């Protein structure tokens, strides 16, 4: 499955669970860690967990499992799918860490291939 297909399935699953403010960040020209970050918010710890579970279930149907999952029951769950990293967090964590602004302000790395 391509990174773009994973992005599409993650966004669809998160949207199905009423995730808020779903953002897709293209980080191909900024880091070799991943091609895309998907960031969204949940309204409570349980909502965050439910969104993360639905995303994992939807991708498992296509035989795609996260390489690792971190932060379960902490208000911020990260699922690493290799070329796509999915972040779902409560609004307080999202505002504090502000991943969108952080990654948008990082300049392209000239050592990486152009996106």
PDB file of N, CA and C in Angstrom:
ATOM      1  N   UNK A   1       0.847  -1.177   0.000  1.00  0.00           N
ATOM      2  CA  UNK A   1       0.000   0.000   0.000  1.00  0.00           C
ATOM      3  C   UNK A   1       0.890   1.237   0.000  1.00  0.00           C
ATOM      4  N   UNK A   2       0.569   2.179  -0.844  1.00  0.00           N
ATOM      5  CA  UNK A   2       1.371   3.400  -0.930  1.00  0.00           C
ATOM      6  C   UNK A   2       1.094   4.318   0.259  1.00  0.00           C
ATOM      7  N   UNK A   3       1.986   5.266   0.464  1.00  0.00           N
ATOM      8  CA  UNK A   3       1.799   6.251   1.532  1.00  0.00           C
ATOM      9  C   UNK A   3       0.508   7.037   1.306  1.00  0.00           C
ATOM     10  N   UNK A   4       0.238   7.395   0.079  1.00  0.00           N
ATOM     11  CA  UNK A   4      -0.970   8.160  -0.233  1.00  0.00           C
ATOM     12  C   UNK A   4      -2.233   7.368   0.077  1.00  0.00           C
ATOM     13  N   UNK A   5      -2.209   6.072  -0.190  1.00  0.00           N
ATOM     14  CA  UNK A   5      -3.365   5.219   0.134  1.00  0.00           C
ATOM     15  C   UNK A   5      -3.548   5.117   1.644  1.00  0.00           C
ATOM     16  N   UNK A   6      -2.450   5.017   2.378  1.00  0.00           N
ATOM     17  CA  UNK A   6      -2.540   4.996   3.845  1.00  0.00           C
ATOM     18  C   UNK A   6      -3.130   6.300   4.360  1.00  0.00           C
ATOM     19  N   UNK A   7      -2.655   7.415   3.823  1.00  0.00           N
ATOM     20  CA  UNK A   7      -3.172   8.732   4.227  1.00  0.00           C
ATOM     21  C   UNK A   7      -4.682   8.779   4.015  1.00  0.00           C
ATOM     22  N   UNK A   8      -5.124   8.343   2.854  1.00  0.00           N
ATOM     23  CA  UNK A   8      -6.553   8.364   2.526  1.00  0.00           C
ATOM     24  C   UNK A   8      -7.358   7.525   3.512  1.00  0.00           C
ATOM     25  N   UNK A   9      -6.888   6.315   3.819  1.00  0.00           N
ATOM     26  CA  UNK A   9      -7.603   5.435   4.745  1.00  0.00           C
ATOM     27  C   UNK A   9      -7.595   5.996   6.169  1.00  0.00           C
ATOM     28  N   UNK A  10      -6.474   6.567   6.595  1.00  0.00           N
ATOM     29  CA  UNK A  10      -6.394   7.146   7.940  1.00  0.00           C
ATOM     30  C   UNK A  10      -7.367   8.307   8.071  1.00  0.00           C
ATOM     31  N   UNK A  11      -7.370   9.198   7.099  1.00  0.00           N
ATOM     32  CA  UNK A  11      -8.264  10.351   7.155  1.00  0.00           C
ATOM     33  C   UNK A  11      -9.720   9.901   7.135  1.00  0.00           C
ATOM     34  N   UNK A  12     -10.033   8.939   6.305  1.00  0.00           N
ATOM     35  CA  UNK A  12     -11.405   8.433   6.221  1.00  0.00           C
ATOM     36  C   UNK A  12     -11.846   7.819   7.553  1.00  0.00           C
ATOM     37  N   UNK A  13     -10.984   7.001   8.158  1.00  0.00           N
ATOM     38  CA  UNK A  13     -11.330   6.351   9.432  1.00  0.00           C
ATOM     39  C   UNK A  13     -11.464   7.382  10.554  1.00  0.00           C
ATOM     40  N   UNK A  14     -10.566   8.353  10.603  1.00  0.00           N
ATOM     41  CA  UNK A  14     -10.630   9.387  11.633  1.00  0.00           C
ATOM     42  C   UNK A  14     -11.898  10.216  11.457  1.00  0.00           C
ATOM     43  N   UNK A  15     -12.227  10.536  10.222  1.00  0.00           N
ATOM     44  CA  UNK A  15     -13.443  11.309   9.947  1.00  0.00           C
ATOM     45  C   UNK A  15     -14.693  10.525  10.336  1.00  0.00           C
ATOM     46  N   UNK A  16     -14.691   9.217  10.088  1.00  0.00           N
ATOM     47  CA  UNK A  16     -15.812   8.359  10.488  1.00  0.00           C
ATOM     48  C   UNK A  16     -16.068   8.437  11.993  1.00  0.00           C
ATOM     49  N   UNK A  17     -14.999   8.641  12.748  1.00  0.00           N
ATOM     50  CA  UNK A  17     -15.110   8.704  14.214  1.00  0.00           C
ATOM     51  C   UNK A  17     -15.263  10.137  14.724  1.00  0.00           C
ATOM     52  N   UNK A  18     -15.560  11.052  13.813  1.00  0.00           N
ATOM     53  CA  UNK A  18     -15.791  12.461  14.168  1.00  0.00           C
ATOM     54  C   UNK A  18     -14.560  13.136  14.766  1.00  0.00           C
ATOM     55  N   UNK A  19     -13.382  12.753  14.276  1.00  0.00           N
ATOM     56  CA  UNK A  19     -12.160  13.453  14.684  1.00  0.00           C
ATOM     57  C   UNK A  19     -12.265  14.898  14.224  1.00  0.00           C
ATOM     58  N   UNK A  20     -11.674  15.796  14.981  1.00  0.00           N
ATOM     59  CA  UNK A  20     -11.753  17.221  14.673  1.00  0.00           C
ATOM     60  C   UNK A  20     -10.456  17.709  14.057  1.00  0.00           C
ATOM     61  N   UNK A  21     -10.560  18.685  13.193  1.00  0.00           N
ATOM     62  CA  UNK A  21      -9.423  19.381  12.596  1.00  0.00           C
ATOM     63  C   UNK A  21      -8.361  18.421  12.062  1.00  0.00           C
ATOM     64  N   UNK A  22      -8.756  17.582  11.137  1.00  0.00           N
ATOM     65  CA  UNK A  22      -7.825  16.618  10.547  1.00  0.00           C
ATOM     66  C   UNK A  22      -6.904  17.362   9.588  1.00  0.00           C
ATOM     67  N   UNK A  23      -5.599  17.246   9.824  1.00  0.00           N
ATOM     68  CA  UNK A  23      -4.591  17.924   8.985  1.00  0.00           C
ATOM     69  C   UNK A  23      -3.636  16.889   8.401  1.00  0.00           C
ATOM     70  N   UNK A  24      -3.299  17.064   7.144  1.00  0.00           N
ATOM     71  CA  UNK A  24      -2.299  16.237   6.466  1.00  0.00           C
ATOM     72  C   UNK A  24      -1.070  17.102   6.238  1.00  0.00           C
ATOM     73  N   UNK A  25       0.066  16.672   6.759  1.00  0.00           N
ATOM     74  CA  UNK A  25       1.315  17.411   6.594  1.00  0.00           C
ATOM     75  C   UNK A  25       2.255  16.603   5.700  1.00  0.00           C
ATOM     76  N   UNK A  26       2.675  17.178   4.603  1.00  0.00           N
ATOM     77  CA  UNK A  26       3.629  16.551   3.699  1.00  0.00           C
ATOM     78  C   UNK A  26       5.027  16.927   4.198  1.00  0.00           C
ATOM     79  N   UNK A  27       5.751  15.963   4.747  1.00  0.00           N
ATOM     80  CA  UNK A  27       7.068  16.242   5.330  1.00  0.00           C
ATOM     81  C   UNK A  27       8.199  15.586   4.540  1.00  0.00           C
ATOM     82  N   UNK A  28       7.916  15.170   3.318  1.00  0.00           N
ATOM     83  CA  UNK A  28       8.928  14.457   2.503  1.00  0.00           C
ATOM     84  C   UNK A  28      10.196  15.268   2.304  1.00  0.00           C
ATOM     85  N   UNK A  29      10.080  16.576   2.140  1.00  0.00           N
ATOM     86  CA  UNK A  29      11.259  17.409   1.891  1.00  0.00           C
ATOM     87  C   UNK A  29      11.912  17.893   3.184  1.00  0.00           C
ATOM     88  N   UNK A  30      11.359  17.485   4.333  1.00  0.00           N
ATOM     89  CA  UNK A  30      11.853  18.008   5.609  1.00  0.00           C
ATOM     90  C   UNK A  30      12.483  16.965   6.516  1.00  0.00           C
ATOM     91  N   UNK A  31      12.125  15.694   6.339  1.00  0.00           N
ATOM     92  CA  UNK A  31      12.649  14.636   7.199  1.00  0.00           C
ATOM     93  C   UNK A  31      12.626  13.309   6.464  1.00  0.00           C
ATOM     94  N   UNK A  32      13.492  12.416   6.877  1.00  0.00           N
ATOM     95  CA  UNK A  32      13.488  11.067   6.315  1.00  0.00           C
ATOM     96  C   UNK A  32      12.692  10.108   7.202  1.00  0.00           C
ATOM     97  N   UNK A  33      12.133  10.599   8.291  1.00  0.00           N
ATOM     98  CA  UNK A  33      11.377   9.773   9.237  1.00  0.00           C
ATOM     99  C   UNK A  33      10.080   9.263   8.615  1.00  0.00           C
ATOM    100  N   UNK A  34       9.412  10.101   7.836  1.00  0.00           N
ATOM    101  CA  UNK A  34       8.131   9.741   7.234  1.00  0.00           C
ATOM    102  C   UNK A  34       7.882  10.641   6.028  1.00  0.00           C
ATOM    103  N   UNK A  35       6.884  10.267   5.243  1.00  0.00           N
ATOM    104  CA  UNK A  35       6.473  11.106   4.121  1.00  0.00           C
ATOM    105  C   UNK A  35       5.343  12.043   4.516  1.00  0.00           C
ATOM    106  N   UNK A  36       4.444  11.539   5.370  1.00  0.00           N
ATOM    107  CA  UNK A  36       3.296  12.331   5.796  1.00  0.00           C
ATOM    108  C   UNK A  36       3.056  12.169   7.289  1.00  0.00           C
ATOM    109  N   UNK A  37       2.577  13.233   7.909  1.00  0.00           N
ATOM    110  CA  UNK A  37       2.031  13.188   9.256  1.00  0.00           C
ATOM    111  C   UNK A  37       0.552  13.536   9.121  1.00  0.00           C
ATOM    112  N   UNK A  38      -0.274  12.800   9.809  1.00  0.00           N
ATOM    113  CA  UNK A  38      -1.691  13.124   9.917  1.00  0.00           C
ATOM    114  C   UNK A  38      -1.919  13.492  11.379  1.00  0.00           C
ATOM    115  N   UNK A  39      -2.524  14.653  11.604  1.00  0.00           N
ATOM    116  CA  UNK A  39      -2.783  15.139  12.958  1.00  0.00           C
ATOM    117  C   UNK A  39      -4.272  15.444  13.071  1.00  0.00           C
ATOM    118  N   UNK A  40      -4.879  14.993  14.166  1.00  0.00           N
ATOM    119  CA  UNK A  40      -6.280  15.320  14.420  1.00  0.00           C
ATOM    120  C   UNK A  40      -6.522  15.367  15.920  1.00  0.00           C
ATOM    121  N   UNK A  41      -7.706  15.844  16.282  1.00  0.00           N
ATOM    122  CA  UNK A  41      -8.055  15.993  17.693  1.00  0.00           C
ATOM    123  C   UNK A  41      -9.265  15.146  18.037  1.00  0.00           C
ATOM    124  N   UNK A  42      -9.289  14.726  19.315  1.00  0.00           N
ATOM    125  CA  UNK A  42     -10.455  14.081  19.906  1.00  0.00           C
ATOM    126  C   UNK A  42     -10.904  14.913  21.091  1.00  0.00           C
ATOM    127  N   UNK A  43     -12.130  14.734  21.501  1.00  0.00           N
ATOM    128  CA  UNK A  43     -12.702  15.579  22.545  1.00  0.00           C
ATOM    129  C   UNK A  43     -12.437  15.087  23.962  1.00  0.00           C
ATOM    130  N   UNK A  44     -11.981  13.847  24.104  1.00  0.00           N
ATOM    131  CA  UNK A  44     -11.711  13.267  25.426  1.00  0.00           C
ATOM    132  C   UNK A  44     -10.698  12.144  25.261  1.00  0.00           C
ATOM    133  N   UNK A  45     -10.182  11.635  26.379  1.00  0.00           N
ATOM    134  CA  UNK A  45      -9.254  10.507  26.303  1.00  0.00           C
ATOM    135  C   UNK A  45      -9.905   9.325  25.585  1.00  0.00           C
ATOM    136  N   UNK A  46     -11.169   9.053  25.899  1.00  0.00           N
ATOM    137  CA  UNK A  46     -11.871   7.928  25.281  1.00  0.00           C
ATOM    138  C   UNK A  46     -12.060   8.152  23.776  1.00  0.00           C
ATOM    139  N   UNK A  47     -12.381   9.380  23.396  1.00  0.00           N
ATOM    140  CA  UNK A  47     -12.556   9.696  21.982  1.00  0.00           C
ATOM    141  C   UNK A  47     -11.236   9.521  21.229  1.00  0.00           C
ATOM    142  N   UNK A  48     -10.146  10.013  21.813  1.00  0.00           N
ATOM    143  CA  UNK A  48      -8.811   9.848  21.209  1.00  0.00           C
ATOM    144  C   UNK A  48      -8.519   8.369  21.005  1.00  0.00           C
ATOM    145  N   UNK A  49      -8.767   7.559  22.040  1.00  0.00           N
ATOM    146  CA  UNK A  49      -8.509   6.119  21.956  1.00  0.00           C
ATOM    147  C   UNK A  49      -9.388   5.463  20.892  1.00  0.00           C
ATOM    148  N   UNK A  50     -10.647   5.865  20.816  1.00  0.00           N
ATOM    149  CA  UNK A  50     -11.569   5.283  19.835  1.00  0.00           C
ATOM    150  C   UNK A  50     -11.146   5.610  18.405  1.00  0.00           C
ATOM    151  N   UNK A  51     -10.696   6.832  18.182  1.00  0.00           N
ATOM    152  CA  UNK A  51     -10.217   7.222  16.849  1.00  0.00           C
ATOM    153  C   UNK A  51      -9.012   6.363  16.471  1.00  0.00           C
ATOM    154  N   UNK A  52      -8.052   6.245  17.394  1.00  0.00           N
ATOM    155  CA  UNK A  52      -6.847   5.448  17.122  1.00  0.00           C
ATOM    156  C   UNK A  52      -7.203   3.985  16.846  1.00  0.00           C
ATOM    157  N   UNK A  53      -8.131   3.442  17.607  1.00  0.00           N
ATOM    158  CA  UNK A  53      -8.540   2.049  17.396  1.00  0.00           C
ATOM    159  C   UNK A  53      -9.182   1.870  16.025  1.00  0.00           C
ATOM    160  N   UNK A  54     -10.042   2.814  15.620  1.00  0.00           N
ATOM    161  CA  UNK A  54     -10.712   2.707  14.316  1.00  0.00           C
ATOM    162  C   UNK A  54      -9.698   2.779  13.181  1.00  0.00           C
ATOM    163  N   UNK A  55      -8.733   3.682  13.291  1.00  0.00           N
ATOM    164  CA  UNK A  55      -7.697   3.787  12.254  1.00  0.00           C
ATOM    165  C   UNK A  55      -6.935   2.466  12.147  1.00  0.00           C
ATOM    166  N   UNK A  56      -6.528   1.907  13.280  1.00  0.00           N
ATOM    167  CA  UNK A  56      -5.795   0.640  13.268  1.00  0.00           C
ATOM    168  C   UNK A  56      -6.642  -0.478  12.657  1.00  0.00           C
ATOM    169  N   UNK A  57      -7.922  -0.511  12.985  1.00  0.00           N
ATOM    170  CA  UNK A  57      -8.818  -1.534  12.432  1.00  0.00           C
ATOM    171  C   UNK A  57      -8.956  -1.392  10.918  1.00  0.00           C
ATOM    172  N   UNK A  58      -9.152  -0.167  10.440  1.00  0.00           N
ATOM    173  CA  UNK A  58      -9.325   0.065   9.000  1.00  0.00           C
ATOM    174  C   UNK A  58      -8.084  -0.333   8.215  1.00  0.00           C
ATOM    175  N   UNK A  59      -6.906  -0.004   8.745  1.00  0.00           N
ATOM    176  CA  UNK A  59      -5.679  -0.364   8.034  1.00  0.00           C
ATOM    177  C   UNK A  59      -5.393  -1.861   8.139  1.00  0.00           C
ATOM    178  N   UNK A  60      -5.778  -2.480   9.241  1.00  0.00           N
ATOM    179  CA  UNK A  60      -5.561  -3.926   9.408  1.00  0.00           C
ATOM    180  C   UNK A  60      -6.332  -4.718   8.358  1.00  0.00           C
ATOM    181  N   UNK A  61      -7.470  -4.192   7.924  1.00  0.00           N
ATOM    182  CA  UNK A  61      -8.242  -4.842   6.864  1.00  0.00           C
ATOM    183  C   UNK A  61      -7.387  -4.974   5.604  1.00  0.00           C
ATOM    184  N   UNK A  62      -6.531  -3.999   5.366  1.00  0.00           N
ATOM    185  CA  UNK A  62      -5.618  -4.021   4.213  1.00  0.00           C
ATOM    186  C   UNK A  62      -4.273  -4.648   4.570  1.00  0.00           C
ATOM    187  N   UNK A  63      -4.223  -5.304   5.718  1.00  0.00           N
ATOM    188  CA  UNK A  63      -3.010  -5.980   6.208  1.00  0.00           C
ATOM    189  C   UNK A  63      -1.862  -5.012   6.476  1.00  0.00           C
ATOM    190  N   UNK A  64      -2.207  -3.830   6.940  1.00  0.00           N
ATOM    191  CA  UNK A  64      -1.213  -2.825   7.322  1.00  0.00           C
ATOM    192  C   UNK A  64      -1.343  -2.618   8.823  1.00  0.00           C
ATOM    193  N   UNK A  65      -0.256  -2.878   9.524  1.00  0.00           N
ATOM    194  CA  UNK A  65      -0.250  -2.693  10.970  1.00  0.00           C
ATOM    195  C   UNK A  65       0.806  -1.663  11.336  1.00  0.00           C
ATOM    196  N   UNK A  66       0.571  -0.922  12.420  1.00  0.00           N
ATOM    197  CA  UNK A  66       1.587   0.053  12.818  1.00  0.00           C
ATOM    198  C   UNK A  66       2.876  -0.636  13.240  1.00  0.00           C
ATOM    199  N   UNK A  67       4.001  -0.011  12.916  1.00  0.00           N
ATOM    200  CA  UNK A  67       5.283  -0.523  13.376  1.00  0.00           C
ATOM    201  C   UNK A  67       5.379  -0.398  14.889  1.00  0.00           C
ATOM    202  N   UNK A  68       4.745   0.666  15.398  1.00  0.00           N
ATOM    203  CA  UNK A  68       4.650   0.855  16.845  1.00  0.00           C
ATOM    204  C   UNK A  68       3.516   1.834  17.127  1.00  0.00           C
ATOM    205  N   UNK A  69       3.004   1.719  18.329  1.00  0.00           N
ATOM    206  CA  UNK A  69       1.966   2.620  18.819  1.00  0.00           C
ATOM    207  C   UNK A  69       2.422   3.115  20.181  1.00  0.00           C
ATOM    208  N   UNK A  70       2.290   4.407  20.405  1.00  0.00           N
ATOM    209  CA  UNK A  70       2.713   4.992  21.678  1.00  0.00           C
ATOM    210  C   UNK A  70       1.620   5.885  22.240  1.00  0.00           C
ATOM    211  N   UNK A  71       1.605   6.009  23.573  1.00  0.00           N
ATOM    212  CA  UNK A  71       0.775   6.983  24.240  1.00  0.00           C
ATOM    213  C   UNK A  71      -0.657   6.578  24.491  1.00  0.00           C
ATOM    214  N   UNK A  72      -0.965   5.302  24.371  1.00  0.00           N
ATOM    215  CA  UNK A  72      -2.345   4.895  24.619  1.00  0.00           C
ATOM    216  C   UNK A  72      -2.766   5.319  26.020  1.00  0.00           C
ATOM    217  N   UNK A  73      -3.963   5.862  26.133  1.00  0.00           N
ATOM    218  CA  UNK A  73      -4.550   6.325  27.388  1.00  0.00           C
ATOM    219  C   UNK A  73      -3.821   7.524  27.992  1.00  0.00           C
ATOM    220  N   UNK A  74      -3.201   8.333  27.137  1.00  0.00           N
ATOM    221  CA  UNK A  74      -2.474   9.504  27.642  1.00  0.00           C
ATOM    222  C   UNK A  74      -3.000  10.811  27.065  1.00  0.00           C
ATOM    223  N   UNK A  75      -4.035  10.740  26.238  1.00  0.00           N
ATOM    224  CA  UNK A  75      -4.524  11.941  25.587  1.00  0.00           C
ATOM    225  C   UNK A  75      -3.823  12.239  24.277  1.00  0.00           C
ATOM    226  N   UNK A  76      -2.839  11.420  23.916  1.00  0.00           N
ATOM    227  CA  UNK A  76      -2.136  11.573  22.636  1.00  0.00           C
ATOM    228  C   UNK A  76      -1.666  10.190  22.199  1.00  0.00           C
ATOM    229  N   UNK A  77      -2.188   9.716  21.091  1.00  0.00           N
ATOM    230  CA  UNK A  77      -1.776   8.419  20.560  1.00  0.00           C
ATOM    231  C   UNK A  77      -1.046   8.650  19.249  1.00  0.00           C
ATOM    232  N   UNK A  78       0.106   8.020  19.107  1.00  0.00           N
ATOM    233  CA  UNK A  78       0.901   8.068  17.888  1.00  0.00           C
ATOM    234  C   UNK A  78       0.944   6.663  17.314  1.00  0.00           C
ATOM    235  N   UNK A  79       0.605   6.529  16.037  1.00  0.00           N
ATOM    236  CA  UNK A  79       0.729   5.261  15.328  1.00  0.00           C
ATOM    237  C   UNK A  79       1.701   5.472  14.169  1.00  0.00           C
ATOM    238  N   UNK A  80       2.771   4.696  14.178  1.00  0.00           N
ATOM    239  CA  UNK A  80       3.813   4.810  13.153  1.00  0.00           C
ATOM    240  C   UNK A  80       3.607   3.714  12.115  1.00  0.00           C
ATOM    241  N   UNK A  81       3.227   4.128  10.904  1.00  0.00           N
ATOM    242  CA  UNK A  81       3.036   3.203   9.796  1.00  0.00           C
ATOM    243  C   UNK A  81       4.205   3.257   8.810  1.00  0.00           C
ATOM    244  N   UNK A  82       5.361   3.681   9.279  1.00  0.00           N
ATOM    245  CA  UNK A  82       6.544   3.759   8.423  1.00  0.00           C
ATOM    246  C   UNK A  82       6.584   5.059   7.660  1.00  0.00           C
ATOM    247  N   UNK A  83       5.943   5.096   6.512  1.00  0.00           N
ATOM    248  CA  UNK A  83       5.956   6.303   5.692  1.00  0.00           C
ATOM    249  C   UNK A  83       4.864   7.302   6.081  1.00  0.00           C
ATOM    250  N   UNK A  84       3.970   6.894   6.979  1.00  0.00           N
ATOM    251  CA  UNK A  84       2.915   7.774   7.485  1.00  0.00           C
ATOM    252  C   UNK A  84       2.860   7.643   9.000  1.00  0.00           C
ATOM    253  N   UNK A  85       2.861   8.772   9.692  1.00  0.00           N
ATOM    254  CA  UNK A  85       2.739   8.783  11.150  1.00  0.00           C
ATOM    255  C   UNK A  85       1.437   9.495  11.496  1.00  0.00           C
ATOM    256  N   UNK A  86       0.611   8.823  12.277  1.00  0.00           N
ATOM    257  CA  UNK A  86      -0.698   9.338  12.654  1.00  0.00           C
ATOM    258  C   UNK A  86      -0.669   9.781  14.113  1.00  0.00           C
ATOM    259  N   UNK A  87      -1.075  11.028  14.347  1.00  0.00           N
ATOM    260  CA  UNK A  87      -1.165  11.593  15.693  1.00  0.00           C
ATOM    261  C   UNK A  87      -2.623  11.939  15.964  1.00  0.00           C
ATOM    262  N   UNK A  88      -3.176  11.444  17.046  1.00  0.00           N
ATOM    263  CA  UNK A  88      -4.499  11.875  17.481  1.00  0.00           C
ATOM    264  C   UNK A  88      -4.365  12.290  18.937  1.00  0.00           C
ATOM    265  N   UNK A  89      -4.830  13.499  19.261  1.00  0.00           N
ATOM    266  CA  UNK A  89      -4.617  14.019  20.608  1.00  0.00           C
ATOM    267  C   UNK A  89      -5.771  14.899  21.051  1.00  0.00           C
ATOM    268  N   UNK A  90      -5.861  15.073  22.347  1.00  0.00           N
ATOM    269  CA  UNK A  90      -6.829  16.017  22.876  1.00  0.00           C
ATOM    270  C   UNK A  90      -6.385  17.423  22.503  1.00  0.00           C
ATOM    271  N   UNK A  91      -7.331  18.328  22.440  1.00  0.00           N
ATOM    272  CA  UNK A  91      -7.058  19.685  21.977  1.00  0.00           C
ATOM    273  C   UNK A  91      -5.981  20.378  22.808  1.00  0.00           C
ATOM    274  N   UNK A  92      -5.952  20.127  24.123  1.00  0.00           N
ATOM    275  CA  UNK A  92      -4.944  20.780  24.970  1.00  0.00           C
ATOM    276  C   UNK A  92      -3.519  20.392  24.547  1.00  0.00           C
ATOM    277  N   UNK A  93      -3.293  19.097  24.313  1.00  0.00           N
ATOM    278  CA  UNK A  93      -1.977  18.643  23.857  1.00  0.00           C
ATOM    279  C   UNK A  93      -1.669  19.193  22.466  1.00  0.00           C
ATOM    280  N   UNK A  94      -2.668  19.212  21.628  1.00  0.00           N
ATOM    281  CA  UNK A  94      -2.453  19.686  20.262  1.00  0.00           C
ATOM    282  C   UNK A  94      -2.032  21.151  20.253  1.00  0.00           C
ATOM    283  N   UNK A  95      -2.691  21.972  21.039  1.00  0.00           N
ATOM    284  CA  UNK A  95      -2.319  23.380  21.097  1.00  0.00           C
ATOM    285  C   UNK A  95      -0.936  23.565  21.712  1.00  0.00           C
ATOM    286  N   UNK A  96      -0.622  22.789  22.743  1.00  0.00           N
ATOM    287  CA  UNK A  96       0.666  22.931  23.411  1.00  0.00           C
ATOM    288  C   UNK A  96       1.829  22.554  22.488  1.00  0.00           C
ATOM    289  N   UNK A  97       1.740  21.400  21.835  1.00  0.00           N
ATOM    290  CA  UNK A  97       2.838  20.934  20.988  1.00  0.00           C
ATOM    291  C   UNK A  97       2.813  21.545  19.596  1.00  0.00           C
ATOM    292  N   UNK A  98       1.659  21.917  19.094  1.00  0.00           N
ATOM    293  CA  UNK A  98       1.485  22.622  17.819  1.00  0.00           C
ATOM    294  C   UNK A  98       2.358  22.028  16.702  1.00  0.00           C
ATOM    295  N   UNK A  99       2.165  20.761  16.454  1.00  0.00           N
ATOM    296  CA  UNK A  99       2.959  20.063  15.438  1.00  0.00           C
ATOM    297  C   UNK A  99       2.825  20.681  14.049  1.00  0.00           C
ATOM    298  N   UNK A 100       1.638  21.179  13.731  1.00  0.00           N
ATOM    299  CA  UNK A 100       1.428  21.751  12.405  1.00  0.00           C
ATOM    300  C   UNK A 100       2.364  22.937  12.171  1.00  0.00           C
ATOM    301  N   UNK A 101       2.411  23.863  13.108  1.00  0.00           N
ATOM    302  CA  UNK A 101       3.277  25.032  12.949  1.00  0.00           C
ATOM    303  C   UNK A 101       4.748  24.619  12.954  1.00  0.00           C
ATOM    304  N   UNK A 102       5.090  23.714  13.842  1.00  0.00           N
ATOM    305  CA  UNK A 102       6.477  23.229  13.922  1.00  0.00           C
ATOM    306  C   UNK A 102       6.936  22.703  12.565  1.00  0.00           C
ATOM    307  N   UNK A 103       6.169  21.783  11.968  1.00  0.00           N
ATOM    308  CA  UNK A 103       6.589  21.163  10.720  1.00  0.00           C
ATOM    309  C   UNK A 103       6.458  22.090   9.524  1.00  0.00           C
ATOM    310  N   UNK A 104       5.506  23.012   9.559  1.00  0.00           N
ATOM    311  CA  UNK A 104       5.380  23.974   8.455  1.00  0.00           C
ATOM    312  C   UNK A 104       6.546  24.955   8.443  1.00  0.00           C
ATOM    313  N   UNK A 105       7.131  25.227   9.606  1.00  0.00           N
ATOM    314  CA  UNK A 105       8.220  26.200   9.702  1.00  0.00           C
ATOM    315  C   UNK A 105       9.609  25.595   9.519  1.00  0.00           C
ATOM    316  N   UNK A 106       9.718  24.296   9.511  1.00  0.00           N
ATOM    317  CA  UNK A 106      11.010  23.655   9.282  1.00  0.00           C
ATOM    318  C   UNK A 106      11.344  23.778   7.793  1.00  0.00           C
ATOM    319  N   UNK A 107      12.522  24.313   7.480  1.00  0.00           N
ATOM    320  CA  UNK A 107      12.864  24.468   6.059  1.00  0.00           C
ATOM    321  C   UNK A 107      13.161  23.105   5.420  1.00  0.00           C
ATOM    322  N   UNK A 108      12.993  22.993   4.116  1.00  0.00           N
ATOM    323  CA  UNK A 108      13.336  21.767   3.427  1.00  0.00           C
ATOM    324  C   UNK A 108      14.802  21.398   3.648  1.00  0.00           C
ATOM    325  N   UNK A 109      15.061  20.130   3.746  1.00  0.00           N
ATOM    326  CA  UNK A 109      16.424  19.612   3.908  1.00  0.00           C
ATOM    327  C   UNK A 109      17.003  19.400   2.515  1.00  0.00           C
ATOM    328  N   UNK A 110      18.084  20.099   2.158  1.00  0.00           N
ATOM    329  CA  UNK A 110      18.634  19.957   0.802  1.00  0.00           C
ATOM    330  C   UNK A 110      19.198  18.559   0.524  1.00  0.00           C
ATOM    331  N   UNK A 111      19.395  17.759   1.563  1.00  0.00           N
ATOM    332  CA  UNK A 111      19.908  16.395   1.392  1.00  0.00           C
ATOM    333  C   UNK A 111      18.814  15.389   1.042  1.00  0.00           C
ATOM    334  N   UNK A 112      17.570  15.824   1.111  1.00  0.00           N
ATOM    335  CA  UNK A 112      16.457  14.938   0.799  1.00  0.00           C
ATOM    336  C   UNK A 112      15.954  15.221  -0.603  1.00  0.00           C
ATOM    337  N   UNK A 113      15.348  14.212  -1.209  1.00  0.00           N
ATOM    338  CA  UNK A 113      14.767  14.393  -2.537  1.00  0.00           C
ATOM    339  C   UNK A 113      13.589  15.335  -2.444  1.00  0.00           C
ATOM    340  N   UNK A 114      13.362  16.083  -3.483  1.00  0.00           N
ATOM    341  CA  UNK A 114      12.214  16.987  -3.547  1.00  0.00           C
ATOM    342  C   UNK A 114      10.919  16.183  -3.517  1.00  0.00           C
ATOM    343  N   UNK A 115       9.917  16.751  -2.879  1.00  0.00           N
ATOM    344  CA  UNK A 115       8.612  16.088  -2.796  1.00  0.00           C
ATOM    345  C   UNK A 115       7.912  16.129  -4.133  1.00  0.00           C
TER     346      UNK A 115
END
